[in-house]
PDBML (XML) file of the C-alpha atoms, coordinates in Angstrom:
<?xml version="1.0" encoding="UTF-8" ?>
<PDBx:datablock datablockName="MODEL"
   xmlns:PDBx="http://pdbml.pdb.org/schema/pdbx-v50.xsd"
   xmlns:xsi="http://www.w3.org/2001/XMLSchema-instance"
   xsi:schemaLocation="http://pdbml.pdb.org/schema/pdbx-v50.xsd pdbx-v50.xsd">
   <PDBx:atom_siteCategory>
      <PDBx:atom_site id="1">
         <PDBx:B_iso_or_equiv>0.00</PDBx:B_iso_or_equiv>
         <PDBx:Cartn_x>-57.026</PDBx:Cartn_x>
         <PDBx:Cartn_y>16.586</PDBx:Cartn_y>
         <PDBx:Cartn_z>74.683</PDBx:Cartn_z>
         <PDBx:auth_asym_id>A</PDBx:auth_asym_id>
         <PDBx:auth_atom_id>CA</PDBx:auth_atom_id>
         <PDBx:auth_comp_id>ALA</PDBx:auth_comp_id>
         <PDBx:auth_seq_id>1</PDBx:auth_seq_id>
         <PDBx:group_PDB>ATOM</PDBx:group_PDB>
         <PDBx:label_alt_id xsi:nil="true" />
         <PDBx:label_asym_id>A</PDBx:label_asym_id>
         <PDBx:label_atom_id>CA</PDBx:label_atom_id>
         <PDBx:label_comp_id>ALA</PDBx:label_comp_id>
         <PDBx:label_entity_id>1</PDBx:label_entity_id>
         <PDBx:label_seq_id>1</PDBx:label_seq_id>
         <PDBx:occupancy>1.00</PDBx:occupancy>
         <PDBx:pdbx_PDB_model_num>1</PDBx:pdbx_PDB_model_num>
         <PDBx:type_symbol>C</PDBx:type_symbol>
      </PDBx:atom_site>
      <PDBx:atom_site id="2">
         <PDBx:B_iso_or_equiv>0.00</PDBx:B_iso_or_equiv>
         <PDBx:Cartn_x>-59.019</PDBx:Cartn_x>
         <PDBx:Cartn_y>14.428</PDBx:Cartn_y>
         <PDBx:Cartn_z>77.094</PDBx:Cartn_z>
         <PDBx:auth_asym_id>A</PDBx:auth_asym_id>
         <PDBx:auth_atom_id>CA</PDBx:auth_atom_id>
         <PDBx:auth_comp_id>ASN</PDBx:auth_comp_id>
         <PDBx:auth_seq_id>2</PDBx:auth_seq_id>
         <PDBx:group_PDB>ATOM</PDBx:group_PDB>
         <PDBx:label_alt_id xsi:nil="true" />
         <PDBx:label_asym_id>A</PDBx:label_asym_id>
         <PDBx:label_atom_id>CA</PDBx:label_atom_id>
         <PDBx:label_comp_id>ASN</PDBx:label_comp_id>
         <PDBx:label_entity_id>1</PDBx:label_entity_id>
         <PDBx:label_seq_id>2</PDBx:label_seq_id>
         <PDBx:occupancy>1.00</PDBx:occupancy>
         <PDBx:pdbx_PDB_model_num>1</PDBx:pdbx_PDB_model_num>
         <PDBx:type_symbol>C</PDBx:type_symbol>
      </PDBx:atom_site>
      <PDBx:atom_site id="3">
         <PDBx:B_iso_or_equiv>0.00</PDBx:B_iso_or_equiv>
         <PDBx:Cartn_x>-57.715</PDBx:Cartn_x>
         <PDBx:Cartn_y>11.174</PDBx:Cartn_y>
         <PDBx:Cartn_z>75.644</PDBx:Cartn_z>
         <PDBx:auth_asym_id>A</PDBx:auth_asym_id>
         <PDBx:auth_atom_id>CA</PDBx:auth_atom_id>
         <PDBx:auth_comp_id>ILE</PDBx:auth_comp_id>
         <PDBx:auth_seq_id>3</PDBx:auth_seq_id>
         <PDBx:group_PDB>ATOM</PDBx:group_PDB>
         <PDBx:label_alt_id xsi:nil="true" />
         <PDBx:label_asym_id>A</PDBx:label_asym_id>
         <PDBx:label_atom_id>CA</PDBx:label_atom_id>
         <PDBx:label_comp_id>ILE</PDBx:label_comp_id>
         <PDBx:label_entity_id>1</PDBx:label_entity_id>
         <PDBx:label_seq_id>3</PDBx:label_seq_id>
         <PDBx:occupancy>1.00</PDBx:occupancy>
         <PDBx:pdbx_PDB_model_num>1</PDBx:pdbx_PDB_model_num>
         <PDBx:type_symbol>C</PDBx:type_symbol>
      </PDBx:atom_site>
      <PDBx:atom_site id="4">
         <PDBx:B_iso_or_equiv>0.00</PDBx:B_iso_or_equiv>
         <PDBx:Cartn_x>-54.036</PDBx:Cartn_x>
         <PDBx:Cartn_y>11.485</PDBx:Cartn_y>
         <PDBx:Cartn_z>74.812</PDBx:Cartn_z>
         <PDBx:auth_asym_id>A</PDBx:auth_asym_id>
         <PDBx:auth_atom_id>CA</PDBx:auth_atom_id>
         <PDBx:auth_comp_id>ILE</PDBx:auth_comp_id>
         <PDBx:auth_seq_id>4</PDBx:auth_seq_id>
         <PDBx:group_PDB>ATOM</PDBx:group_PDB>
         <PDBx:label_alt_id xsi:nil="true" />
         <PDBx:label_asym_id>A</PDBx:label_asym_id>
         <PDBx:label_atom_id>CA</PDBx:label_atom_id>
         <PDBx:label_comp_id>ILE</PDBx:label_comp_id>
         <PDBx:label_entity_id>1</PDBx:label_entity_id>
         <PDBx:label_seq_id>4</PDBx:label_seq_id>
         <PDBx:occupancy>1.00</PDBx:occupancy>
         <PDBx:pdbx_PDB_model_num>1</PDBx:pdbx_PDB_model_num>
         <PDBx:type_symbol>C</PDBx:type_symbol>
      </PDBx:atom_site>
      <PDBx:atom_site id="5">
         <PDBx:B_iso_or_equiv>0.00</PDBx:B_iso_or_equiv>
         <PDBx:Cartn_x>-52.710</PDBx:Cartn_x>
         <PDBx:Cartn_y>12.632</PDBx:Cartn_y>
         <PDBx:Cartn_z>78.227</PDBx:Cartn_z>
         <PDBx:auth_asym_id>A</PDBx:auth_asym_id>
         <PDBx:auth_atom_id>CA</PDBx:auth_atom_id>
         <PDBx:auth_comp_id>PRO</PDBx:auth_comp_id>
         <PDBx:auth_seq_id>5</PDBx:auth_seq_id>
         <PDBx:group_PDB>ATOM</PDBx:group_PDB>
         <PDBx:label_alt_id xsi:nil="true" />
         <PDBx:label_asym_id>A</PDBx:label_asym_id>
         <PDBx:label_atom_id>CA</PDBx:label_atom_id>
         <PDBx:label_comp_id>PRO</PDBx:label_comp_id>
         <PDBx:label_entity_id>1</PDBx:label_entity_id>
         <PDBx:label_seq_id>5</PDBx:label_seq_id>
         <PDBx:occupancy>1.00</PDBx:occupancy>
         <PDBx:pdbx_PDB_model_num>1</PDBx:pdbx_PDB_model_num>
         <PDBx:type_symbol>C</PDBx:type_symbol>
      </PDBx:atom_site>
      <PDBx:atom_site id="6">
         <PDBx:B_iso_or_equiv>0.00</PDBx:B_iso_or_equiv>
         <PDBx:Cartn_x>-54.345</PDBx:Cartn_x>
         <PDBx:Cartn_y>9.602</PDBx:Cartn_y>
         <PDBx:Cartn_z>79.849</PDBx:Cartn_z>
         <PDBx:auth_asym_id>A</PDBx:auth_asym_id>
         <PDBx:auth_atom_id>CA</PDBx:auth_atom_id>
         <PDBx:auth_comp_id>TRP</PDBx:auth_comp_id>
         <PDBx:auth_seq_id>6</PDBx:auth_seq_id>
         <PDBx:group_PDB>ATOM</PDBx:group_PDB>
         <PDBx:label_alt_id xsi:nil="true" />
         <PDBx:label_asym_id>A</PDBx:label_asym_id>
         <PDBx:label_atom_id>CA</PDBx:label_atom_id>
         <PDBx:label_comp_id>TRP</PDBx:label_comp_id>
         <PDBx:label_entity_id>1</PDBx:label_entity_id>
         <PDBx:label_seq_id>6</PDBx:label_seq_id>
         <PDBx:occupancy>1.00</PDBx:occupancy>
         <PDBx:pdbx_PDB_model_num>1</PDBx:pdbx_PDB_model_num>
         <PDBx:type_symbol>C</PDBx:type_symbol>
      </PDBx:atom_site>
      <PDBx:atom_site id="7">
         <PDBx:B_iso_or_equiv>0.00</PDBx:B_iso_or_equiv>
         <PDBx:Cartn_x>-53.049</PDBx:Cartn_x>
         <PDBx:Cartn_y>7.279</PDBx:Cartn_y>
         <PDBx:Cartn_z>77.117</PDBx:Cartn_z>
         <PDBx:auth_asym_id>A</PDBx:auth_asym_id>
         <PDBx:auth_atom_id>CA</PDBx:auth_atom_id>
         <PDBx:auth_comp_id>GLN</PDBx:auth_comp_id>
         <PDBx:auth_seq_id>7</PDBx:auth_seq_id>
         <PDBx:group_PDB>ATOM</PDBx:group_PDB>
         <PDBx:label_alt_id xsi:nil="true" />
         <PDBx:label_asym_id>A</PDBx:label_asym_id>
         <PDBx:label_atom_id>CA</PDBx:label_atom_id>
         <PDBx:label_comp_id>GLN</PDBx:label_comp_id>
         <PDBx:label_entity_id>1</PDBx:label_entity_id>
         <PDBx:label_seq_id>7</PDBx:label_seq_id>
         <PDBx:occupancy>1.00</PDBx:occupancy>
         <PDBx:pdbx_PDB_model_num>1</PDBx:pdbx_PDB_model_num>
         <PDBx:type_symbol>C</PDBx:type_symbol>
      </PDBx:atom_site>
      <PDBx:atom_site id="8">
         <PDBx:B_iso_or_equiv>0.00</PDBx:B_iso_or_equiv>
         <PDBx:Cartn_x>-49.492</PDBx:Cartn_x>
         <PDBx:Cartn_y>8.529</PDBx:Cartn_y>
         <PDBx:Cartn_z>77.525</PDBx:Cartn_z>
         <PDBx:auth_asym_id>A</PDBx:auth_asym_id>
         <PDBx:auth_atom_id>CA</PDBx:auth_atom_id>
         <PDBx:auth_comp_id>LEU</PDBx:auth_comp_id>
         <PDBx:auth_seq_id>8</PDBx:auth_seq_id>
         <PDBx:group_PDB>ATOM</PDBx:group_PDB>
         <PDBx:label_alt_id xsi:nil="true" />
         <PDBx:label_asym_id>A</PDBx:label_asym_id>
         <PDBx:label_atom_id>CA</PDBx:label_atom_id>
         <PDBx:label_comp_id>LEU</PDBx:label_comp_id>
         <PDBx:label_entity_id>1</PDBx:label_entity_id>
         <PDBx:label_seq_id>8</PDBx:label_seq_id>
         <PDBx:occupancy>1.00</PDBx:occupancy>
         <PDBx:pdbx_PDB_model_num>1</PDBx:pdbx_PDB_model_num>
         <PDBx:type_symbol>C</PDBx:type_symbol>
      </PDBx:atom_site>
      <PDBx:atom_site id="9">
         <PDBx:B_iso_or_equiv>0.00</PDBx:B_iso_or_equiv>
         <PDBx:Cartn_x>-49.640</PDBx:Cartn_x>
         <PDBx:Cartn_y>7.936</PDBx:Cartn_y>
         <PDBx:Cartn_z>81.252</PDBx:Cartn_z>
         <PDBx:auth_asym_id>A</PDBx:auth_asym_id>
         <PDBx:auth_atom_id>CA</PDBx:auth_atom_id>
         <PDBx:auth_comp_id>LEU</PDBx:auth_comp_id>
         <PDBx:auth_seq_id>9</PDBx:auth_seq_id>
         <PDBx:group_PDB>ATOM</PDBx:group_PDB>
         <PDBx:label_alt_id xsi:nil="true" />
         <PDBx:label_asym_id>A</PDBx:label_asym_id>
         <PDBx:label_atom_id>CA</PDBx:label_atom_id>
         <PDBx:label_comp_id>LEU</PDBx:label_comp_id>
         <PDBx:label_entity_id>1</PDBx:label_entity_id>
         <PDBx:label_seq_id>9</PDBx:label_seq_id>
         <PDBx:occupancy>1.00</PDBx:occupancy>
         <PDBx:pdbx_PDB_model_num>1</PDBx:pdbx_PDB_model_num>
         <PDBx:type_symbol>C</PDBx:type_symbol>
      </PDBx:atom_site>
      <PDBx:atom_site id="10">
         <PDBx:B_iso_or_equiv>0.00</PDBx:B_iso_or_equiv>
         <PDBx:Cartn_x>-51.351</PDBx:Cartn_x>
         <PDBx:Cartn_y>4.555</PDBx:Cartn_y>
         <PDBx:Cartn_z>80.948</PDBx:Cartn_z>
         <PDBx:auth_asym_id>A</PDBx:auth_asym_id>
         <PDBx:auth_atom_id>CA</PDBx:auth_atom_id>
         <PDBx:auth_comp_id>ALA</PDBx:auth_comp_id>
         <PDBx:auth_seq_id>10</PDBx:auth_seq_id>
         <PDBx:group_PDB>ATOM</PDBx:group_PDB>
         <PDBx:label_alt_id xsi:nil="true" />
         <PDBx:label_asym_id>A</PDBx:label_asym_id>
         <PDBx:label_atom_id>CA</PDBx:label_atom_id>
         <PDBx:label_comp_id>ALA</PDBx:label_comp_id>
         <PDBx:label_entity_id>1</PDBx:label_entity_id>
         <PDBx:label_seq_id>10</PDBx:label_seq_id>
         <PDBx:occupancy>1.00</PDBx:occupancy>
         <PDBx:pdbx_PDB_model_num>1</PDBx:pdbx_PDB_model_num>
         <PDBx:type_symbol>C</PDBx:type_symbol>
      </PDBx:atom_site>
      <PDBx:atom_site id="11">
         <PDBx:B_iso_or_equiv>0.00</PDBx:B_iso_or_equiv>
         <PDBx:Cartn_x>-48.795</PDBx:Cartn_x>
         <PDBx:Cartn_y>3.346</PDBx:Cartn_y>
         <PDBx:Cartn_z>78.414</PDBx:Cartn_z>
         <PDBx:auth_asym_id>A</PDBx:auth_asym_id>
         <PDBx:auth_atom_id>CA</PDBx:auth_atom_id>
         <PDBx:auth_comp_id>ASN</PDBx:auth_comp_id>
         <PDBx:auth_seq_id>11</PDBx:auth_seq_id>
         <PDBx:group_PDB>ATOM</PDBx:group_PDB>
         <PDBx:label_alt_id xsi:nil="true" />
         <PDBx:label_asym_id>A</PDBx:label_asym_id>
         <PDBx:label_atom_id>CA</PDBx:label_atom_id>
         <PDBx:label_comp_id>ASN</PDBx:label_comp_id>
         <PDBx:label_entity_id>1</PDBx:label_entity_id>
         <PDBx:label_seq_id>11</PDBx:label_seq_id>
         <PDBx:occupancy>1.00</PDBx:occupancy>
         <PDBx:pdbx_PDB_model_num>1</PDBx:pdbx_PDB_model_num>
         <PDBx:type_symbol>C</PDBx:type_symbol>
      </PDBx:atom_site>
      <PDBx:atom_site id="12">
         <PDBx:B_iso_or_equiv>0.00</PDBx:B_iso_or_equiv>
         <PDBx:Cartn_x>-45.924</PDBx:Cartn_x>
         <PDBx:Cartn_y>4.307</PDBx:Cartn_y>
         <PDBx:Cartn_z>80.692</PDBx:Cartn_z>
         <PDBx:auth_asym_id>A</PDBx:auth_asym_id>
         <PDBx:auth_atom_id>CA</PDBx:auth_atom_id>
         <PDBx:auth_comp_id>GLU</PDBx:auth_comp_id>
         <PDBx:auth_seq_id>12</PDBx:auth_seq_id>
         <PDBx:group_PDB>ATOM</PDBx:group_PDB>
         <PDBx:label_alt_id xsi:nil="true" />
         <PDBx:label_asym_id>A</PDBx:label_asym_id>
         <PDBx:label_atom_id>CA</PDBx:label_atom_id>
         <PDBx:label_comp_id>GLU</PDBx:label_comp_id>
         <PDBx:label_entity_id>1</PDBx:label_entity_id>
         <PDBx:label_seq_id>12</PDBx:label_seq_id>
         <PDBx:occupancy>1.00</PDBx:occupancy>
         <PDBx:pdbx_PDB_model_num>1</PDBx:pdbx_PDB_model_num>
         <PDBx:type_symbol>C</PDBx:type_symbol>
      </PDBx:atom_site>
      <PDBx:atom_site id="13">
         <PDBx:B_iso_or_equiv>0.00</PDBx:B_iso_or_equiv>
         <PDBx:Cartn_x>-47.185</PDBx:Cartn_x>
         <PDBx:Cartn_y>2.379</PDBx:Cartn_y>
         <PDBx:Cartn_z>83.709</PDBx:Cartn_z>
         <PDBx:auth_asym_id>A</PDBx:auth_asym_id>
         <PDBx:auth_atom_id>CA</PDBx:auth_atom_id>
         <PDBx:auth_comp_id>VAL</PDBx:auth_comp_id>
         <PDBx:auth_seq_id>13</PDBx:auth_seq_id>
         <PDBx:group_PDB>ATOM</PDBx:group_PDB>
         <PDBx:label_alt_id xsi:nil="true" />
         <PDBx:label_asym_id>A</PDBx:label_asym_id>
         <PDBx:label_atom_id>CA</PDBx:label_atom_id>
         <PDBx:label_comp_id>VAL</PDBx:label_comp_id>
         <PDBx:label_entity_id>1</PDBx:label_entity_id>
         <PDBx:label_seq_id>13</PDBx:label_seq_id>
         <PDBx:occupancy>1.00</PDBx:occupancy>
         <PDBx:pdbx_PDB_model_num>1</PDBx:pdbx_PDB_model_num>
         <PDBx:type_symbol>C</PDBx:type_symbol>
      </PDBx:atom_site>
      <PDBx:atom_site id="14">
         <PDBx:B_iso_or_equiv>0.00</PDBx:B_iso_or_equiv>
         <PDBx:Cartn_x>-49.015</PDBx:Cartn_x>
         <PDBx:Cartn_y>-0.500</PDBx:Cartn_y>
         <PDBx:Cartn_z>82.026</PDBx:Cartn_z>
         <PDBx:auth_asym_id>A</PDBx:auth_asym_id>
         <PDBx:auth_atom_id>CA</PDBx:auth_atom_id>
         <PDBx:auth_comp_id>GLY</PDBx:auth_comp_id>
         <PDBx:auth_seq_id>14</PDBx:auth_seq_id>
         <PDBx:group_PDB>ATOM</PDBx:group_PDB>
         <PDBx:label_alt_id xsi:nil="true" />
         <PDBx:label_asym_id>A</PDBx:label_asym_id>
         <PDBx:label_atom_id>CA</PDBx:label_atom_id>
         <PDBx:label_comp_id>GLY</PDBx:label_comp_id>
         <PDBx:label_entity_id>1</PDBx:label_entity_id>
         <PDBx:label_seq_id>14</PDBx:label_seq_id>
         <PDBx:occupancy>1.00</PDBx:occupancy>
         <PDBx:pdbx_PDB_model_num>1</PDBx:pdbx_PDB_model_num>
         <PDBx:type_symbol>C</PDBx:type_symbol>
      </PDBx:atom_site>
      <PDBx:atom_site id="15">
         <PDBx:B_iso_or_equiv>0.00</PDBx:B_iso_or_equiv>
         <PDBx:Cartn_x>-52.492</PDBx:Cartn_x>
         <PDBx:Cartn_y>0.755</PDBx:Cartn_y>
         <PDBx:Cartn_z>82.793</PDBx:Cartn_z>
         <PDBx:auth_asym_id>A</PDBx:auth_asym_id>
         <PDBx:auth_atom_id>CA</PDBx:auth_atom_id>
         <PDBx:auth_comp_id>ALA</PDBx:auth_comp_id>
         <PDBx:auth_seq_id>15</PDBx:auth_seq_id>
         <PDBx:group_PDB>ATOM</PDBx:group_PDB>
         <PDBx:label_alt_id xsi:nil="true" />
         <PDBx:label_asym_id>A</PDBx:label_asym_id>
         <PDBx:label_atom_id>CA</PDBx:label_atom_id>
         <PDBx:label_comp_id>ALA</PDBx:label_comp_id>
         <PDBx:label_entity_id>1</PDBx:label_entity_id>
         <PDBx:label_seq_id>15</PDBx:label_seq_id>
         <PDBx:occupancy>1.00</PDBx:occupancy>
         <PDBx:pdbx_PDB_model_num>1</PDBx:pdbx_PDB_model_num>
         <PDBx:type_symbol>C</PDBx:type_symbol>
      </PDBx:atom_site>
      <PDBx:atom_site id="16">
         <PDBx:B_iso_or_equiv>0.00</PDBx:B_iso_or_equiv>
         <PDBx:Cartn_x>-55.460</PDBx:Cartn_x>
         <PDBx:Cartn_y>0.828</PDBx:Cartn_y>
         <PDBx:Cartn_z>80.386</PDBx:Cartn_z>
         <PDBx:auth_asym_id>A</PDBx:auth_asym_id>
         <PDBx:auth_atom_id>CA</PDBx:auth_atom_id>
         <PDBx:auth_comp_id>LYS</PDBx:auth_comp_id>
         <PDBx:auth_seq_id>16</PDBx:auth_seq_id>
         <PDBx:group_PDB>ATOM</PDBx:group_PDB>
         <PDBx:label_alt_id xsi:nil="true" />
         <PDBx:label_asym_id>A</PDBx:label_asym_id>
         <PDBx:label_atom_id>CA</PDBx:label_atom_id>
         <PDBx:label_comp_id>LYS</PDBx:label_comp_id>
         <PDBx:label_entity_id>1</PDBx:label_entity_id>
         <PDBx:label_seq_id>16</PDBx:label_seq_id>
         <PDBx:occupancy>1.00</PDBx:occupancy>
         <PDBx:pdbx_PDB_model_num>1</PDBx:pdbx_PDB_model_num>
         <PDBx:type_symbol>C</PDBx:type_symbol>
      </PDBx:atom_site>
      <PDBx:atom_site id="17">
         <PDBx:B_iso_or_equiv>0.00</PDBx:B_iso_or_equiv>
         <PDBx:Cartn_x>-57.791</PDBx:Cartn_x>
         <PDBx:Cartn_y>3.493</PDBx:Cartn_y>
         <PDBx:Cartn_z>79.016</PDBx:Cartn_z>
         <PDBx:auth_asym_id>A</PDBx:auth_asym_id>
         <PDBx:auth_atom_id>CA</PDBx:auth_atom_id>
         <PDBx:auth_comp_id>VAL</PDBx:auth_comp_id>
         <PDBx:auth_seq_id>17</PDBx:auth_seq_id>
         <PDBx:group_PDB>ATOM</PDBx:group_PDB>
         <PDBx:label_alt_id xsi:nil="true" />
         <PDBx:label_asym_id>A</PDBx:label_asym_id>
         <PDBx:label_atom_id>CA</PDBx:label_atom_id>
         <PDBx:label_comp_id>VAL</PDBx:label_comp_id>
         <PDBx:label_entity_id>1</PDBx:label_entity_id>
         <PDBx:label_seq_id>17</PDBx:label_seq_id>
         <PDBx:occupancy>1.00</PDBx:occupancy>
         <PDBx:pdbx_PDB_model_num>1</PDBx:pdbx_PDB_model_num>
         <PDBx:type_symbol>C</PDBx:type_symbol>
      </PDBx:atom_site>
      <PDBx:atom_site id="18">
         <PDBx:B_iso_or_equiv>0.00</PDBx:B_iso_or_equiv>
         <PDBx:Cartn_x>-61.384</PDBx:Cartn_x>
         <PDBx:Cartn_y>2.319</PDBx:Cartn_y>
         <PDBx:Cartn_z>78.552</PDBx:Cartn_z>
         <PDBx:auth_asym_id>A</PDBx:auth_asym_id>
         <PDBx:auth_atom_id>CA</PDBx:auth_atom_id>
         <PDBx:auth_comp_id>VAL</PDBx:auth_comp_id>
         <PDBx:auth_seq_id>18</PDBx:auth_seq_id>
         <PDBx:group_PDB>ATOM</PDBx:group_PDB>
         <PDBx:label_alt_id xsi:nil="true" />
         <PDBx:label_asym_id>A</PDBx:label_asym_id>
         <PDBx:label_atom_id>CA</PDBx:label_atom_id>
         <PDBx:label_comp_id>VAL</PDBx:label_comp_id>
         <PDBx:label_entity_id>1</PDBx:label_entity_id>
         <PDBx:label_seq_id>18</PDBx:label_seq_id>
         <PDBx:occupancy>1.00</PDBx:occupancy>
         <PDBx:pdbx_PDB_model_num>1</PDBx:pdbx_PDB_model_num>
         <PDBx:type_symbol>C</PDBx:type_symbol>
      </PDBx:atom_site>
      <PDBx:atom_site id="19">
         <PDBx:B_iso_or_equiv>0.00</PDBx:B_iso_or_equiv>
         <PDBx:Cartn_x>-64.189</PDBx:Cartn_x>
         <PDBx:Cartn_y>4.290</PDBx:Cartn_y>
         <PDBx:Cartn_z>76.910</PDBx:Cartn_z>
         <PDBx:auth_asym_id>A</PDBx:auth_asym_id>
         <PDBx:auth_atom_id>CA</PDBx:auth_atom_id>
         <PDBx:auth_comp_id>ALA</PDBx:auth_comp_id>
         <PDBx:auth_seq_id>19</PDBx:auth_seq_id>
         <PDBx:group_PDB>ATOM</PDBx:group_PDB>
         <PDBx:label_alt_id xsi:nil="true" />
         <PDBx:label_asym_id>A</PDBx:label_asym_id>
         <PDBx:label_atom_id>CA</PDBx:label_atom_id>
         <PDBx:label_comp_id>ALA</PDBx:label_comp_id>
         <PDBx:label_entity_id>1</PDBx:label_entity_id>
         <PDBx:label_seq_id>19</PDBx:label_seq_id>
         <PDBx:occupancy>1.00</PDBx:occupancy>
         <PDBx:pdbx_PDB_model_num>1</PDBx:pdbx_PDB_model_num>
         <PDBx:type_symbol>C</PDBx:type_symbol>
      </PDBx:atom_site>
      <PDBx:atom_site id="20">
         <PDBx:B_iso_or_equiv>0.00</PDBx:B_iso_or_equiv>
         <PDBx:Cartn_x>-67.904</PDBx:Cartn_x>
         <PDBx:Cartn_y>4.195</PDBx:Cartn_y>
         <PDBx:Cartn_z>77.641</PDBx:Cartn_z>
         <PDBx:auth_asym_id>A</PDBx:auth_asym_id>
         <PDBx:auth_atom_id>CA</PDBx:auth_atom_id>
         <PDBx:auth_comp_id>ALA</PDBx:auth_comp_id>
         <PDBx:auth_seq_id>20</PDBx:auth_seq_id>
         <PDBx:group_PDB>ATOM</PDBx:group_PDB>
         <PDBx:label_alt_id xsi:nil="true" />
         <PDBx:label_asym_id>A</PDBx:label_asym_id>
         <PDBx:label_atom_id>CA</PDBx:label_atom_id>
         <PDBx:label_comp_id>ALA</PDBx:label_comp_id>
         <PDBx:label_entity_id>1</PDBx:label_entity_id>
         <PDBx:label_seq_id>20</PDBx:label_seq_id>
         <PDBx:occupancy>1.00</PDBx:occupancy>
         <PDBx:pdbx_PDB_model_num>1</PDBx:pdbx_PDB_model_num>
         <PDBx:type_symbol>C</PDBx:type_symbol>
      </PDBx:atom_site>
      <PDBx:atom_site id="21">
         <PDBx:B_iso_or_equiv>0.00</PDBx:B_iso_or_equiv>
         <PDBx:Cartn_x>-69.923</PDBx:Cartn_x>
         <PDBx:Cartn_y>3.916</PDBx:Cartn_y>
         <PDBx:Cartn_z>74.422</PDBx:Cartn_z>
         <PDBx:auth_asym_id>A</PDBx:auth_asym_id>
         <PDBx:auth_atom_id>CA</PDBx:auth_atom_id>
         <PDBx:auth_comp_id>PRO</PDBx:auth_comp_id>
         <PDBx:auth_seq_id>21</PDBx:auth_seq_id>
         <PDBx:group_PDB>ATOM</PDBx:group_PDB>
         <PDBx:label_alt_id xsi:nil="true" />
         <PDBx:label_asym_id>A</PDBx:label_asym_id>
         <PDBx:label_atom_id>CA</PDBx:label_atom_id>
         <PDBx:label_comp_id>PRO</PDBx:label_comp_id>
         <PDBx:label_entity_id>1</PDBx:label_entity_id>
         <PDBx:label_seq_id>21</PDBx:label_seq_id>
         <PDBx:occupancy>1.00</PDBx:occupancy>
         <PDBx:pdbx_PDB_model_num>1</PDBx:pdbx_PDB_model_num>
         <PDBx:type_symbol>C</PDBx:type_symbol>
      </PDBx:atom_site>
      <PDBx:atom_site id="22">
         <PDBx:B_iso_or_equiv>0.00</PDBx:B_iso_or_equiv>
         <PDBx:Cartn_x>-72.133</PDBx:Cartn_x>
         <PDBx:Cartn_y>6.575</PDBx:Cartn_y>
         <PDBx:Cartn_z>72.849</PDBx:Cartn_z>
         <PDBx:auth_asym_id>A</PDBx:auth_asym_id>
         <PDBx:auth_atom_id>CA</PDBx:auth_atom_id>
         <PDBx:auth_comp_id>VAL</PDBx:auth_comp_id>
         <PDBx:auth_seq_id>22</PDBx:auth_seq_id>
         <PDBx:group_PDB>ATOM</PDBx:group_PDB>
         <PDBx:label_alt_id xsi:nil="true" />
         <PDBx:label_asym_id>A</PDBx:label_asym_id>
         <PDBx:label_atom_id>CA</PDBx:label_atom_id>
         <PDBx:label_comp_id>VAL</PDBx:label_comp_id>
         <PDBx:label_entity_id>1</PDBx:label_entity_id>
         <PDBx:label_seq_id>22</PDBx:label_seq_id>
         <PDBx:occupancy>1.00</PDBx:occupancy>
         <PDBx:pdbx_PDB_model_num>1</PDBx:pdbx_PDB_model_num>
         <PDBx:type_symbol>C</PDBx:type_symbol>
      </PDBx:atom_site>
      <PDBx:atom_site id="23">
         <PDBx:B_iso_or_equiv>0.00</PDBx:B_iso_or_equiv>
         <PDBx:Cartn_x>-75.654</PDBx:Cartn_x>
         <PDBx:Cartn_y>5.775</PDBx:Cartn_y>
         <PDBx:Cartn_z>71.656</PDBx:Cartn_z>
         <PDBx:auth_asym_id>A</PDBx:auth_asym_id>
         <PDBx:auth_atom_id>CA</PDBx:auth_atom_id>
         <PDBx:auth_comp_id>THR</PDBx:auth_comp_id>
         <PDBx:auth_seq_id>23</PDBx:auth_seq_id>
         <PDBx:group_PDB>ATOM</PDBx:group_PDB>
         <PDBx:label_alt_id xsi:nil="true" />
         <PDBx:label_asym_id>A</PDBx:label_asym_id>
         <PDBx:label_atom_id>CA</PDBx:label_atom_id>
         <PDBx:label_comp_id>THR</PDBx:label_comp_id>
         <PDBx:label_entity_id>1</PDBx:label_entity_id>
         <PDBx:label_seq_id>23</PDBx:label_seq_id>
         <PDBx:occupancy>1.00</PDBx:occupancy>
         <PDBx:pdbx_PDB_model_num>1</PDBx:pdbx_PDB_model_num>
         <PDBx:type_symbol>C</PDBx:type_symbol>
      </PDBx:atom_site>
      <PDBx:atom_site id="24">
         <PDBx:B_iso_or_equiv>0.00</PDBx:B_iso_or_equiv>
         <PDBx:Cartn_x>-76.979</PDBx:Cartn_x>
         <PDBx:Cartn_y>6.373</PDBx:Cartn_y>
         <PDBx:Cartn_z>68.149</PDBx:Cartn_z>
         <PDBx:auth_asym_id>A</PDBx:auth_asym_id>
         <PDBx:auth_atom_id>CA</PDBx:auth_atom_id>
         <PDBx:auth_comp_id>ASP</PDBx:auth_comp_id>
         <PDBx:auth_seq_id>24</PDBx:auth_seq_id>
         <PDBx:group_PDB>ATOM</PDBx:group_PDB>
         <PDBx:label_alt_id xsi:nil="true" />
         <PDBx:label_asym_id>A</PDBx:label_asym_id>
         <PDBx:label_atom_id>CA</PDBx:label_atom_id>
         <PDBx:label_comp_id>ASP</PDBx:label_comp_id>
         <PDBx:label_entity_id>1</PDBx:label_entity_id>
         <PDBx:label_seq_id>24</PDBx:label_seq_id>
         <PDBx:occupancy>1.00</PDBx:occupancy>
         <PDBx:pdbx_PDB_model_num>1</PDBx:pdbx_PDB_model_num>
         <PDBx:type_symbol>C</PDBx:type_symbol>
      </PDBx:atom_site>
      <PDBx:atom_site id="25">
         <PDBx:B_iso_or_equiv>0.00</PDBx:B_iso_or_equiv>
         <PDBx:Cartn_x>-78.658</PDBx:Cartn_x>
         <PDBx:Cartn_y>9.511</PDBx:Cartn_y>
         <PDBx:Cartn_z>69.506</PDBx:Cartn_z>
         <PDBx:auth_asym_id>A</PDBx:auth_asym_id>
         <PDBx:auth_atom_id>CA</PDBx:auth_atom_id>
         <PDBx:auth_comp_id>GLU</PDBx:auth_comp_id>
         <PDBx:auth_seq_id>25</PDBx:auth_seq_id>
         <PDBx:group_PDB>ATOM</PDBx:group_PDB>
         <PDBx:label_alt_id xsi:nil="true" />
         <PDBx:label_asym_id>A</PDBx:label_asym_id>
         <PDBx:label_atom_id>CA</PDBx:label_atom_id>
         <PDBx:label_comp_id>GLU</PDBx:label_comp_id>
         <PDBx:label_entity_id>1</PDBx:label_entity_id>
         <PDBx:label_seq_id>25</PDBx:label_seq_id>
         <PDBx:occupancy>1.00</PDBx:occupancy>
         <PDBx:pdbx_PDB_model_num>1</PDBx:pdbx_PDB_model_num>
         <PDBx:type_symbol>C</PDBx:type_symbol>
      </PDBx:atom_site>
   </PDBx:atom_siteCategory>
</PDBx:datablock>
């Protein structure tokens, strides 16, 4: 729910969703 709304919007305007990584912990 905190990914798809931003993807839909980004795809419509040509923007990009980037994700900060998670550590092994």
